[in-house]
N, C-alpha and C. Protein backbone atom coordinates (compact mmCIF):
# COMPACT_ATOMS: atom_id res chain seq x y z
N GLU A 1 45.37 -188.83 -26.06
CA GLU A 1 44.67 -189.52 -27.13
C GLU A 1 43.28 -188.95 -27.32
N LEU A 2 42.59 -188.63 -26.22
CA LEU A 2 41.26 -188.04 -26.33
C LEU A 2 41.32 -186.65 -26.96
N ARG A 3 42.38 -185.91 -26.67
CA ARG A 3 42.50 -184.57 -27.25
C ARG A 3 42.66 -184.62 -28.76
N HIS A 4 43.39 -185.62 -29.25
CA HIS A 4 43.59 -185.72 -30.69
C HIS A 4 42.31 -186.13 -31.41
N ARG A 5 41.48 -186.94 -30.75
CA ARG A 5 40.21 -187.38 -31.37
C ARG A 5 39.11 -186.34 -31.23
N ALA A 6 39.32 -185.33 -30.38
CA ALA A 6 38.29 -184.31 -30.17
C ALA A 6 38.15 -183.43 -31.42
N SER A 7 36.94 -182.95 -31.63
CA SER A 7 36.69 -182.08 -32.78
C SER A 7 37.36 -180.73 -32.56
N PRO A 8 37.58 -179.99 -33.63
CA PRO A 8 38.18 -178.65 -33.46
C PRO A 8 37.35 -177.73 -32.57
N TRP A 9 36.03 -177.89 -32.60
CA TRP A 9 35.17 -177.08 -31.72
C TRP A 9 35.46 -177.39 -30.26
N GLN A 10 35.63 -178.67 -29.96
CA GLN A 10 35.93 -179.04 -28.58
C GLN A 10 37.29 -178.52 -28.16
N ARG A 11 38.28 -178.68 -29.02
CA ARG A 11 39.63 -178.25 -28.68
C ARG A 11 39.75 -176.74 -28.58
N ASN A 12 39.13 -176.01 -29.49
CA ASN A 12 39.31 -174.57 -29.54
C ASN A 12 38.29 -173.78 -28.74
N LEU A 13 37.14 -174.38 -28.44
CA LEU A 13 36.11 -173.65 -27.71
C LEU A 13 35.72 -174.36 -26.41
N GLY A 14 35.51 -175.66 -26.48
CA GLY A 14 35.03 -176.40 -25.31
C GLY A 14 36.03 -176.46 -24.18
N TYR A 15 37.26 -176.87 -24.47
CA TYR A 15 38.27 -176.99 -23.43
C TYR A 15 38.63 -175.65 -22.80
N PRO A 16 38.84 -174.58 -23.60
CA PRO A 16 39.12 -173.28 -22.97
C PRO A 16 37.95 -172.78 -22.10
N LEU A 17 36.72 -172.98 -22.57
CA LEU A 17 35.57 -172.56 -21.75
C LEU A 17 35.48 -173.36 -20.46
N ALA A 18 35.75 -174.67 -20.54
CA ALA A 18 35.74 -175.49 -19.33
C ALA A 18 36.83 -175.03 -18.36
N MET A 19 38.00 -174.72 -18.88
CA MET A 19 39.09 -174.23 -18.01
C MET A 19 38.75 -172.88 -17.40
N LEU A 20 38.16 -171.99 -18.18
CA LEU A 20 37.75 -170.70 -17.64
C LEU A 20 36.67 -170.87 -16.56
N GLY A 21 35.75 -171.81 -16.78
CA GLY A 21 34.73 -172.09 -15.78
C GLY A 21 35.34 -172.62 -14.49
N LEU A 22 36.29 -173.54 -14.61
CA LEU A 22 36.96 -174.07 -13.42
C LEU A 22 37.76 -172.99 -12.70
N LEU A 23 38.45 -172.15 -13.47
CA LEU A 23 39.20 -171.04 -12.86
C LEU A 23 38.25 -170.08 -12.15
N ALA A 24 37.11 -169.79 -12.78
CA ALA A 24 36.14 -168.87 -12.17
C ALA A 24 35.57 -169.46 -10.88
N LEU A 25 35.20 -170.74 -10.90
CA LEU A 25 34.65 -171.36 -9.69
C LEU A 25 35.69 -171.40 -8.57
N THR A 26 36.92 -171.70 -8.93
CA THR A 26 37.98 -171.71 -7.92
C THR A 26 38.22 -170.32 -7.38
N GLY A 27 38.26 -169.33 -8.26
CA GLY A 27 38.45 -167.95 -7.81
C GLY A 27 37.32 -167.46 -6.93
N ILE A 28 36.08 -167.78 -7.30
CA ILE A 28 34.93 -167.38 -6.48
C ILE A 28 34.99 -168.06 -5.12
N SER A 29 35.37 -169.34 -5.10
CA SER A 29 35.49 -170.05 -3.82
C SER A 29 36.52 -169.38 -2.92
N VAL A 30 37.66 -169.02 -3.48
CA VAL A 30 38.71 -168.38 -2.69
C VAL A 30 38.25 -167.00 -2.22
N LEU A 31 37.56 -166.25 -3.07
CA LEU A 31 37.06 -164.94 -2.66
C LEU A 31 36.05 -165.05 -1.53
N ILE A 32 35.15 -166.02 -1.61
CA ILE A 32 34.16 -166.22 -0.54
C ILE A 32 34.85 -166.60 0.75
N VAL A 33 35.87 -167.46 0.67
CA VAL A 33 36.58 -167.87 1.88
C VAL A 33 37.36 -166.69 2.46
N CYS A 34 37.98 -165.87 1.61
CA CYS A 34 38.69 -164.69 2.10
C CYS A 34 37.72 -163.71 2.76
N PHE A 35 36.55 -163.53 2.17
CA PHE A 35 35.52 -162.68 2.79
C PHE A 35 35.08 -163.27 4.13
N HIS A 36 34.98 -164.60 4.20
CA HIS A 36 34.61 -165.24 5.45
C HIS A 36 35.70 -165.06 6.51
N VAL A 37 36.96 -165.07 6.10
CA VAL A 37 38.06 -164.83 7.05
C VAL A 37 37.94 -163.42 7.62
N LEU A 38 37.64 -162.44 6.75
CA LEU A 38 37.44 -161.07 7.25
C LEU A 38 36.26 -161.00 8.21
N GLU A 39 35.18 -161.71 7.87
CA GLU A 39 34.03 -161.76 8.77
C GLU A 39 34.40 -162.37 10.11
N LEU A 40 35.21 -163.43 10.08
CA LEU A 40 35.64 -164.07 11.32
C LEU A 40 36.44 -163.11 12.20
N LEU A 41 37.28 -162.30 11.56
CA LEU A 41 38.10 -161.37 12.32
C LEU A 41 37.28 -160.21 12.90
N LEU A 42 36.20 -159.84 12.23
CA LEU A 42 35.43 -158.67 12.65
C LEU A 42 34.19 -158.99 13.46
N ASP A 43 33.60 -160.17 13.26
CA ASP A 43 32.30 -160.45 13.87
C ASP A 43 32.25 -161.89 14.36
N ASP A 44 31.89 -162.08 15.62
CA ASP A 44 31.78 -163.42 16.19
C ASP A 44 30.62 -164.21 15.60
N ALA A 45 29.65 -163.52 15.02
CA ALA A 45 28.48 -164.19 14.45
C ALA A 45 28.82 -164.96 13.18
N ALA A 46 30.01 -164.77 12.63
CA ALA A 46 30.42 -165.47 11.41
C ALA A 46 30.86 -166.90 11.69
N MET A 47 30.99 -167.26 12.95
CA MET A 47 31.39 -168.64 13.29
C MET A 47 30.31 -169.61 12.80
N PRO A 48 30.70 -170.77 12.30
CA PRO A 48 29.73 -171.70 11.69
C PRO A 48 28.95 -172.52 12.72
N ARG A 49 28.31 -171.85 13.64
CA ARG A 49 27.48 -172.55 14.62
C ARG A 49 26.10 -172.79 14.00
N GLY A 50 25.28 -173.56 14.69
CA GLY A 50 23.93 -173.86 14.19
C GLY A 50 23.05 -172.63 14.15
N ILE A 51 22.10 -172.65 13.25
CA ILE A 51 21.16 -171.54 13.10
C ILE A 51 19.98 -171.81 14.02
N GLN A 52 19.64 -170.82 14.85
CA GLN A 52 18.52 -170.98 15.77
C GLN A 52 17.23 -170.52 15.11
N ASP A 53 16.27 -171.41 15.07
CA ASP A 53 14.91 -171.10 14.63
C ASP A 53 14.83 -170.44 13.26
N ALA A 54 15.61 -170.88 12.32
CA ALA A 54 15.51 -170.35 10.95
C ALA A 54 14.73 -171.37 10.12
N SER A 55 13.51 -171.04 9.79
CA SER A 55 12.68 -171.95 9.03
C SER A 55 13.06 -171.90 7.56
N LEU A 56 13.08 -173.06 6.95
CA LEU A 56 13.43 -173.16 5.54
C LEU A 56 12.38 -172.44 4.70
N GLY A 57 12.83 -171.56 3.84
CA GLY A 57 11.93 -170.82 2.97
C GLY A 57 11.53 -169.47 3.51
N GLN A 58 11.74 -169.22 4.79
CA GLN A 58 11.38 -167.93 5.37
C GLN A 58 12.58 -167.01 5.51
N VAL A 59 13.76 -167.59 5.59
CA VAL A 59 14.96 -166.81 5.76
C VAL A 59 15.90 -167.12 4.61
N SER A 60 16.44 -166.08 3.97
CA SER A 60 17.39 -166.29 2.89
C SER A 60 18.75 -166.62 3.48
N PHE A 61 19.39 -167.65 2.96
CA PHE A 61 20.71 -168.05 3.45
C PHE A 61 21.82 -167.36 2.67
N SER A 62 21.46 -166.46 1.78
CA SER A 62 22.45 -165.74 1.00
C SER A 62 22.09 -164.27 0.96
N ILE A 63 23.11 -163.42 1.00
CA ILE A 63 22.83 -161.98 0.92
C ILE A 63 22.44 -161.57 -0.49
N PHE A 64 22.68 -162.43 -1.49
CA PHE A 64 22.34 -162.13 -2.87
C PHE A 64 21.03 -162.77 -3.31
N GLY A 65 20.26 -163.30 -2.39
CA GLY A 65 18.96 -163.87 -2.70
C GLY A 65 19.05 -165.16 -3.50
N SER A 66 18.20 -165.28 -4.52
CA SER A 66 18.14 -166.51 -5.32
C SER A 66 19.42 -166.74 -6.11
N PHE A 67 20.02 -165.68 -6.63
CA PHE A 67 21.28 -165.83 -7.35
C PHE A 67 22.37 -166.36 -6.43
N GLY A 68 22.45 -165.83 -5.22
CA GLY A 68 23.44 -166.29 -4.26
C GLY A 68 23.21 -167.73 -3.84
N ALA A 69 21.95 -168.10 -3.67
CA ALA A 69 21.64 -169.49 -3.32
C ALA A 69 22.03 -170.44 -4.45
N ALA A 70 21.75 -170.03 -5.69
CA ALA A 70 22.16 -170.86 -6.83
C ALA A 70 23.67 -170.96 -6.92
N LEU A 71 24.37 -169.86 -6.66
CA LEU A 71 25.83 -169.87 -6.66
C LEU A 71 26.37 -170.79 -5.57
N GLN A 72 25.73 -170.78 -4.40
CA GLN A 72 26.15 -171.68 -3.32
C GLN A 72 25.99 -173.13 -3.73
N VAL A 73 24.88 -173.46 -4.37
CA VAL A 73 24.66 -174.84 -4.82
C VAL A 73 25.72 -175.25 -5.83
N ILE A 74 26.02 -174.35 -6.78
CA ILE A 74 27.04 -174.65 -7.79
C ILE A 74 28.40 -174.84 -7.14
N LEU A 75 28.74 -173.97 -6.18
CA LEU A 75 30.04 -174.08 -5.51
C LEU A 75 30.14 -175.34 -4.67
N ILE A 76 29.05 -175.72 -4.01
CA ILE A 76 29.07 -176.96 -3.22
C ILE A 76 29.24 -178.16 -4.14
N PHE A 77 28.55 -178.17 -5.28
CA PHE A 77 28.72 -179.25 -6.25
C PHE A 77 30.16 -179.27 -6.78
N TYR A 78 30.71 -178.09 -7.06
CA TYR A 78 32.10 -178.00 -7.52
C TYR A 78 33.07 -178.54 -6.46
N LEU A 79 32.85 -178.17 -5.20
CA LEU A 79 33.71 -178.67 -4.12
C LEU A 79 33.59 -180.18 -3.98
N MET A 80 32.38 -180.71 -4.18
CA MET A 80 32.18 -182.16 -4.10
C MET A 80 32.97 -182.86 -5.20
N VAL A 81 32.84 -182.39 -6.42
CA VAL A 81 33.54 -183.02 -7.55
C VAL A 81 35.05 -182.88 -7.40
N SER A 82 35.50 -181.69 -7.00
CA SER A 82 36.95 -181.51 -6.86
C SER A 82 37.51 -182.32 -5.70
N SER A 83 36.72 -182.55 -4.66
CA SER A 83 37.17 -183.41 -3.56
C SER A 83 37.33 -184.85 -4.03
N VAL A 84 36.38 -185.33 -4.81
CA VAL A 84 36.47 -186.70 -5.32
C VAL A 84 37.65 -186.85 -6.28
N VAL A 85 37.82 -185.87 -7.17
CA VAL A 85 38.94 -185.92 -8.12
C VAL A 85 40.27 -185.85 -7.37
N GLY A 86 40.35 -184.96 -6.39
CA GLY A 86 41.57 -184.85 -5.59
C GLY A 86 41.86 -186.10 -4.79
N PHE A 87 40.81 -186.72 -4.27
CA PHE A 87 40.97 -187.95 -3.49
C PHE A 87 41.55 -189.06 -4.36
N TYR A 88 40.97 -189.26 -5.53
CA TYR A 88 41.44 -190.33 -6.40
C TYR A 88 42.75 -189.99 -7.12
N SER A 89 43.14 -188.72 -7.10
CA SER A 89 44.42 -188.33 -7.71
C SER A 89 45.59 -188.45 -6.75
N SER A 90 45.30 -188.55 -5.45
CA SER A 90 46.40 -188.65 -4.48
C SER A 90 47.09 -190.00 -4.63
N PRO A 91 48.41 -190.02 -4.47
CA PRO A 91 49.16 -191.27 -4.69
C PRO A 91 48.72 -192.42 -3.78
N LEU A 92 48.21 -192.09 -2.60
CA LEU A 92 47.81 -193.12 -1.66
C LEU A 92 46.56 -193.88 -2.12
N PHE A 93 45.67 -193.20 -2.84
CA PHE A 93 44.38 -193.80 -3.19
C PHE A 93 44.20 -194.09 -4.68
N THR A 94 45.24 -193.96 -5.48
CA THR A 94 45.10 -194.26 -6.91
C THR A 94 44.83 -195.74 -7.14
N ARG A 95 45.28 -196.60 -6.22
CA ARG A 95 45.01 -198.03 -6.36
C ARG A 95 43.55 -198.37 -6.11
N LEU A 96 42.82 -197.44 -5.48
CA LEU A 96 41.41 -197.67 -5.17
C LEU A 96 40.49 -197.37 -6.36
N LEU A 97 41.03 -196.78 -7.40
CA LEU A 97 40.22 -196.47 -8.58
C LEU A 97 39.59 -197.73 -9.16
N PRO A 98 38.30 -197.70 -9.44
CA PRO A 98 37.66 -198.87 -10.04
C PRO A 98 38.15 -199.10 -11.48
N GLU A 99 38.20 -200.34 -11.88
CA GLU A 99 38.62 -200.70 -13.23
C GLU A 99 37.40 -201.22 -13.98
N TRP A 100 37.31 -200.87 -15.24
CA TRP A 100 36.16 -201.24 -16.06
C TRP A 100 36.02 -202.76 -16.14
N ARG A 101 34.91 -203.27 -15.63
CA ARG A 101 34.53 -204.69 -15.66
C ARG A 101 35.52 -205.62 -14.97
N ASP A 102 36.38 -205.06 -14.11
CA ASP A 102 37.35 -205.90 -13.42
C ASP A 102 37.66 -205.34 -12.04
N THR A 103 36.62 -204.99 -11.28
CA THR A 103 36.81 -204.43 -9.94
C THR A 103 36.38 -205.46 -8.90
N PRO A 104 37.30 -205.86 -8.03
CA PRO A 104 36.93 -206.82 -6.99
C PRO A 104 35.98 -206.19 -5.96
N LEU A 105 35.26 -207.04 -5.25
CA LEU A 105 34.25 -206.58 -4.30
C LEU A 105 34.87 -205.74 -3.19
N THR A 106 36.06 -206.09 -2.73
CA THR A 106 36.68 -205.31 -1.66
C THR A 106 36.99 -203.89 -2.12
N LYS A 107 37.37 -203.74 -3.38
CA LYS A 107 37.64 -202.41 -3.92
C LYS A 107 36.33 -201.63 -4.07
N ILE A 108 35.25 -202.29 -4.44
CA ILE A 108 33.94 -201.63 -4.53
C ILE A 108 33.50 -201.14 -3.15
N ILE A 109 33.68 -201.99 -2.13
CA ILE A 109 33.32 -201.60 -0.77
C ILE A 109 34.19 -200.43 -0.31
N GLY A 110 35.49 -200.47 -0.63
CA GLY A 110 36.39 -199.36 -0.28
C GLY A 110 35.97 -198.07 -0.94
N ASN A 111 35.55 -198.14 -2.20
CA ASN A 111 35.07 -196.95 -2.90
C ASN A 111 33.79 -196.43 -2.26
N CYS A 112 32.88 -197.32 -1.91
CA CYS A 112 31.63 -196.89 -1.27
C CYS A 112 31.90 -196.20 0.06
N VAL A 113 32.80 -196.77 0.86
CA VAL A 113 33.13 -196.17 2.15
C VAL A 113 33.79 -194.81 1.93
N SER A 114 34.71 -194.73 0.99
CA SER A 114 35.41 -193.46 0.72
C SER A 114 34.43 -192.38 0.27
N LEU A 115 33.53 -192.72 -0.65
CA LEU A 115 32.55 -191.73 -1.13
C LEU A 115 31.57 -191.35 -0.03
N LEU A 116 31.23 -192.29 0.85
CA LEU A 116 30.34 -191.98 1.97
C LEU A 116 31.00 -191.01 2.94
N VAL A 117 32.28 -191.22 3.23
CA VAL A 117 32.99 -190.31 4.13
C VAL A 117 33.12 -188.93 3.49
N LEU A 118 33.46 -188.88 2.20
CA LEU A 118 33.57 -187.59 1.52
C LEU A 118 32.24 -186.84 1.50
N SER A 119 31.16 -187.55 1.20
CA SER A 119 29.86 -186.89 1.13
C SER A 119 29.35 -186.48 2.51
N SER A 120 29.73 -187.21 3.55
CA SER A 120 29.34 -186.83 4.90
C SER A 120 30.11 -185.62 5.39
N ALA A 121 31.34 -185.45 4.92
CA ALA A 121 32.15 -184.32 5.34
C ALA A 121 31.82 -183.04 4.58
N LEU A 122 31.16 -183.16 3.45
CA LEU A 122 30.90 -182.00 2.60
C LEU A 122 30.07 -180.90 3.28
N PRO A 123 28.98 -181.21 3.99
CA PRO A 123 28.24 -180.13 4.64
C PRO A 123 29.06 -179.38 5.69
N VAL A 124 29.85 -180.11 6.47
CA VAL A 124 30.68 -179.46 7.48
C VAL A 124 31.77 -178.64 6.80
N PHE A 125 32.32 -179.18 5.73
CA PHE A 125 33.36 -178.50 4.96
C PHE A 125 32.84 -177.17 4.42
N SER A 126 31.67 -177.18 3.80
CA SER A 126 31.12 -175.96 3.22
C SER A 126 30.69 -174.97 4.30
N ARG A 127 30.23 -175.47 5.44
CA ARG A 127 29.87 -174.58 6.55
C ARG A 127 31.10 -173.92 7.14
N THR A 128 32.15 -174.70 7.33
CA THR A 128 33.36 -174.17 7.95
C THR A 128 34.03 -173.13 7.07
N LEU A 129 33.96 -173.33 5.75
CA LEU A 129 34.56 -172.36 4.83
C LEU A 129 33.69 -171.12 4.62
N GLY A 130 32.46 -171.14 5.11
CA GLY A 130 31.58 -170.00 4.97
C GLY A 130 30.91 -169.92 3.61
N ILE A 131 30.93 -171.01 2.86
CA ILE A 131 30.28 -171.01 1.55
C ILE A 131 28.77 -171.03 1.71
N THR A 132 28.29 -171.71 2.72
CA THR A 132 26.86 -171.70 3.01
C THR A 132 26.66 -171.71 4.52
N ARG A 133 25.48 -171.28 4.93
CA ARG A 133 25.12 -171.34 6.35
C ARG A 133 23.96 -172.30 6.58
N PHE A 134 23.61 -173.01 5.55
CA PHE A 134 22.50 -173.95 5.61
C PHE A 134 22.93 -175.21 6.33
N ASP A 135 22.07 -175.76 7.19
CA ASP A 135 22.43 -176.91 8.02
C ASP A 135 22.15 -178.27 7.38
N LEU A 136 21.42 -178.33 6.29
CA LEU A 136 21.11 -179.58 5.59
C LEU A 136 20.47 -180.63 6.49
N LEU A 137 19.61 -180.23 7.38
CA LEU A 137 18.83 -181.09 8.26
C LEU A 137 19.68 -181.93 9.22
N GLY A 138 20.98 -181.73 9.24
CA GLY A 138 21.84 -182.52 10.11
C GLY A 138 22.28 -181.76 11.34
N ASP A 139 22.02 -180.47 11.38
CA ASP A 139 22.44 -179.61 12.46
C ASP A 139 23.92 -179.80 12.73
N PHE A 140 24.71 -179.64 11.68
CA PHE A 140 26.15 -179.82 11.80
C PHE A 140 26.80 -178.71 12.61
N GLY A 141 26.09 -177.64 12.88
CA GLY A 141 26.64 -176.54 13.66
C GLY A 141 26.81 -176.87 15.12
N ARG A 142 26.38 -178.03 15.55
CA ARG A 142 26.52 -178.39 16.96
C ARG A 142 27.85 -179.04 17.30
N PHE A 143 28.71 -179.24 16.31
CA PHE A 143 30.05 -179.76 16.62
C PHE A 143 30.78 -178.73 17.46
N ASN A 144 31.40 -179.18 18.56
CA ASN A 144 32.06 -178.24 19.46
C ASN A 144 33.22 -177.51 18.80
N TRP A 145 33.94 -178.17 17.92
CA TRP A 145 35.10 -177.53 17.32
C TRP A 145 34.72 -176.43 16.34
N LEU A 146 33.46 -176.38 15.90
CA LEU A 146 33.02 -175.30 15.02
C LEU A 146 32.90 -173.97 15.78
N GLY A 147 32.93 -174.03 17.10
CA GLY A 147 32.91 -172.82 17.91
C GLY A 147 34.29 -172.33 18.27
N ASN A 148 35.33 -173.08 17.91
CA ASN A 148 36.71 -172.70 18.21
C ASN A 148 37.22 -171.79 17.09
N PHE A 149 37.47 -170.54 17.43
CA PHE A 149 37.87 -169.55 16.43
C PHE A 149 39.16 -169.95 15.73
N TYR A 150 40.13 -170.42 16.46
CA TYR A 150 41.45 -170.71 15.87
C TYR A 150 41.38 -171.85 14.86
N ILE A 151 40.63 -172.88 15.17
CA ILE A 151 40.50 -174.00 14.23
C ILE A 151 39.82 -173.54 12.95
N VAL A 152 38.71 -172.83 13.08
CA VAL A 152 37.96 -172.37 11.91
C VAL A 152 38.80 -171.37 11.11
N PHE A 153 39.48 -170.45 11.80
CA PHE A 153 40.31 -169.46 11.12
C PHE A 153 41.45 -170.12 10.36
N LEU A 154 42.17 -171.03 11.01
CA LEU A 154 43.29 -171.71 10.35
C LEU A 154 42.81 -172.59 9.19
N TYR A 155 41.65 -173.22 9.35
CA TYR A 155 41.08 -174.04 8.29
C TYR A 155 40.78 -173.18 7.06
N ASN A 156 40.17 -172.02 7.28
CA ASN A 156 39.86 -171.11 6.18
C ASN A 156 41.13 -170.56 5.54
N MET A 157 42.10 -170.16 6.35
CA MET A 157 43.35 -169.63 5.82
C MET A 157 44.11 -170.71 5.04
N GLY A 158 44.11 -171.94 5.56
CA GLY A 158 44.76 -173.03 4.85
C GLY A 158 44.12 -173.30 3.51
N PHE A 159 42.79 -173.33 3.48
CA PHE A 159 42.09 -173.54 2.21
C PHE A 159 42.40 -172.43 1.22
N ALA A 160 42.27 -171.18 1.66
CA ALA A 160 42.51 -170.05 0.75
C ALA A 160 43.96 -170.04 0.27
N GLY A 161 44.90 -170.26 1.16
CA GLY A 161 46.31 -170.22 0.79
C GLY A 161 46.70 -171.35 -0.14
N LEU A 162 46.32 -172.57 0.21
CA LEU A 162 46.70 -173.72 -0.62
C LEU A 162 45.99 -173.72 -1.97
N THR A 163 44.73 -173.31 -1.99
CA THR A 163 44.00 -173.25 -3.26
C THR A 163 44.61 -172.18 -4.17
N THR A 164 44.95 -171.03 -3.60
CA THR A 164 45.58 -169.98 -4.39
C THR A 164 46.94 -170.43 -4.91
N LEU A 165 47.70 -171.11 -4.06
CA LEU A 165 49.00 -171.62 -4.49
C LEU A 165 48.87 -172.61 -5.63
N CYS A 166 47.93 -173.54 -5.52
CA CYS A 166 47.70 -174.51 -6.61
C CYS A 166 47.24 -173.82 -7.88
N LEU A 167 46.37 -172.85 -7.74
CA LEU A 167 45.85 -172.12 -8.89
C LEU A 167 46.97 -171.36 -9.61
N VAL A 168 47.77 -170.65 -8.85
CA VAL A 168 48.88 -169.89 -9.44
C VAL A 168 49.89 -170.84 -10.07
N LYS A 169 50.16 -171.94 -9.39
CA LYS A 169 51.12 -172.90 -9.92
C LYS A 169 50.63 -173.50 -11.24
N ARG A 170 49.39 -173.93 -11.29
CA ARG A 170 48.84 -174.53 -12.52
C ARG A 170 48.81 -173.52 -13.67
N VAL A 171 48.30 -172.32 -13.38
CA VAL A 171 48.17 -171.31 -14.43
C VAL A 171 49.55 -170.87 -14.90
N SER A 172 50.47 -170.63 -13.97
CA SER A 172 51.80 -170.16 -14.39
C SER A 172 52.55 -171.25 -15.16
N TRP A 173 52.38 -172.52 -14.76
CA TRP A 173 53.04 -173.59 -15.51
C TRP A 173 52.46 -173.70 -16.92
N ALA A 174 51.15 -173.54 -17.05
CA ALA A 174 50.54 -173.61 -18.38
C ALA A 174 51.02 -172.46 -19.24
N VAL A 175 51.11 -171.26 -18.66
CA VAL A 175 51.58 -170.11 -19.42
C VAL A 175 53.05 -170.30 -19.80
N GLN A 176 53.86 -170.81 -18.86
CA GLN A 176 55.27 -171.05 -19.16
C GLN A 176 55.41 -172.07 -20.28
N ALA A 177 54.65 -173.14 -20.24
CA ALA A 177 54.72 -174.17 -21.28
C ALA A 177 54.33 -173.61 -22.64
N GLU A 178 53.28 -172.77 -22.68
CA GLU A 178 52.86 -172.16 -23.94
C GLU A 178 53.92 -171.20 -24.47
N LEU A 179 54.53 -170.42 -23.57
CA LEU A 179 55.59 -169.50 -23.99
C LEU A 179 56.80 -170.26 -24.52
N ILE A 180 57.17 -171.31 -23.85
CA ILE A 180 58.31 -172.12 -24.32
C ILE A 180 57.99 -172.75 -25.67
N ARG A 181 56.77 -173.25 -25.81
CA ARG A 181 56.36 -173.86 -27.08
C ARG A 181 56.34 -172.82 -28.19
N ALA A 182 55.82 -171.61 -27.90
CA ALA A 182 55.74 -170.55 -28.90
C ALA A 182 57.14 -170.05 -29.27
N LEU A 183 58.00 -169.90 -28.30
CA LEU A 183 59.36 -169.42 -28.58
C LEU A 183 60.18 -170.51 -29.28
N GLY A 184 59.88 -171.77 -28.96
CA GLY A 184 60.59 -172.88 -29.62
C GLY A 184 60.21 -172.99 -31.08
N GLU A 185 58.97 -172.67 -31.44
CA GLU A 185 58.54 -172.74 -32.83
C GLU A 185 59.15 -171.61 -33.66
N GLU A 186 59.34 -170.44 -33.04
CA GLU A 186 59.89 -169.31 -33.76
C GLU A 186 61.39 -169.45 -33.97
N GLY A 187 62.09 -170.02 -32.99
CA GLY A 187 63.54 -170.08 -33.04
C GLY A 187 64.07 -171.23 -33.76
């Protein structure tokens, strides 16, 4: 219904640009994680342990300088939004979605707890995937399991593999649907 009410500019320019942006952010995330997997295999320093004596503002947390830091911020924000969307899209938690002007207090508390857990896991998530090496004042690098190569390696491989699978599945289904629609109109 929203698509039909959208202006032609939104339908023909806005939606495709938004989809290309989402595809680009997902692709960049997968590339960074794949690069991190290679770093894990070649260098022990790539493990997401805490940074010793790195003062904020004196050491660059990205090899690309300011552009890389801005890209990390954008990717972390993208991961945060996609985590929330994925959480509320899962069949187990769709009942937790708030309803406009009709949300009971227990559901509000459940949403607050869920968002708090998701936001608390985000720094560790981004550190483990190698998207950033910044500690966010929490010194999350002191978790013992972040020093276990196999856990970090499998976590990165799982993220890269499952994200690539979802991306290929979504894009190929969209292309298949467009081809079927185009061939159906001609025939």
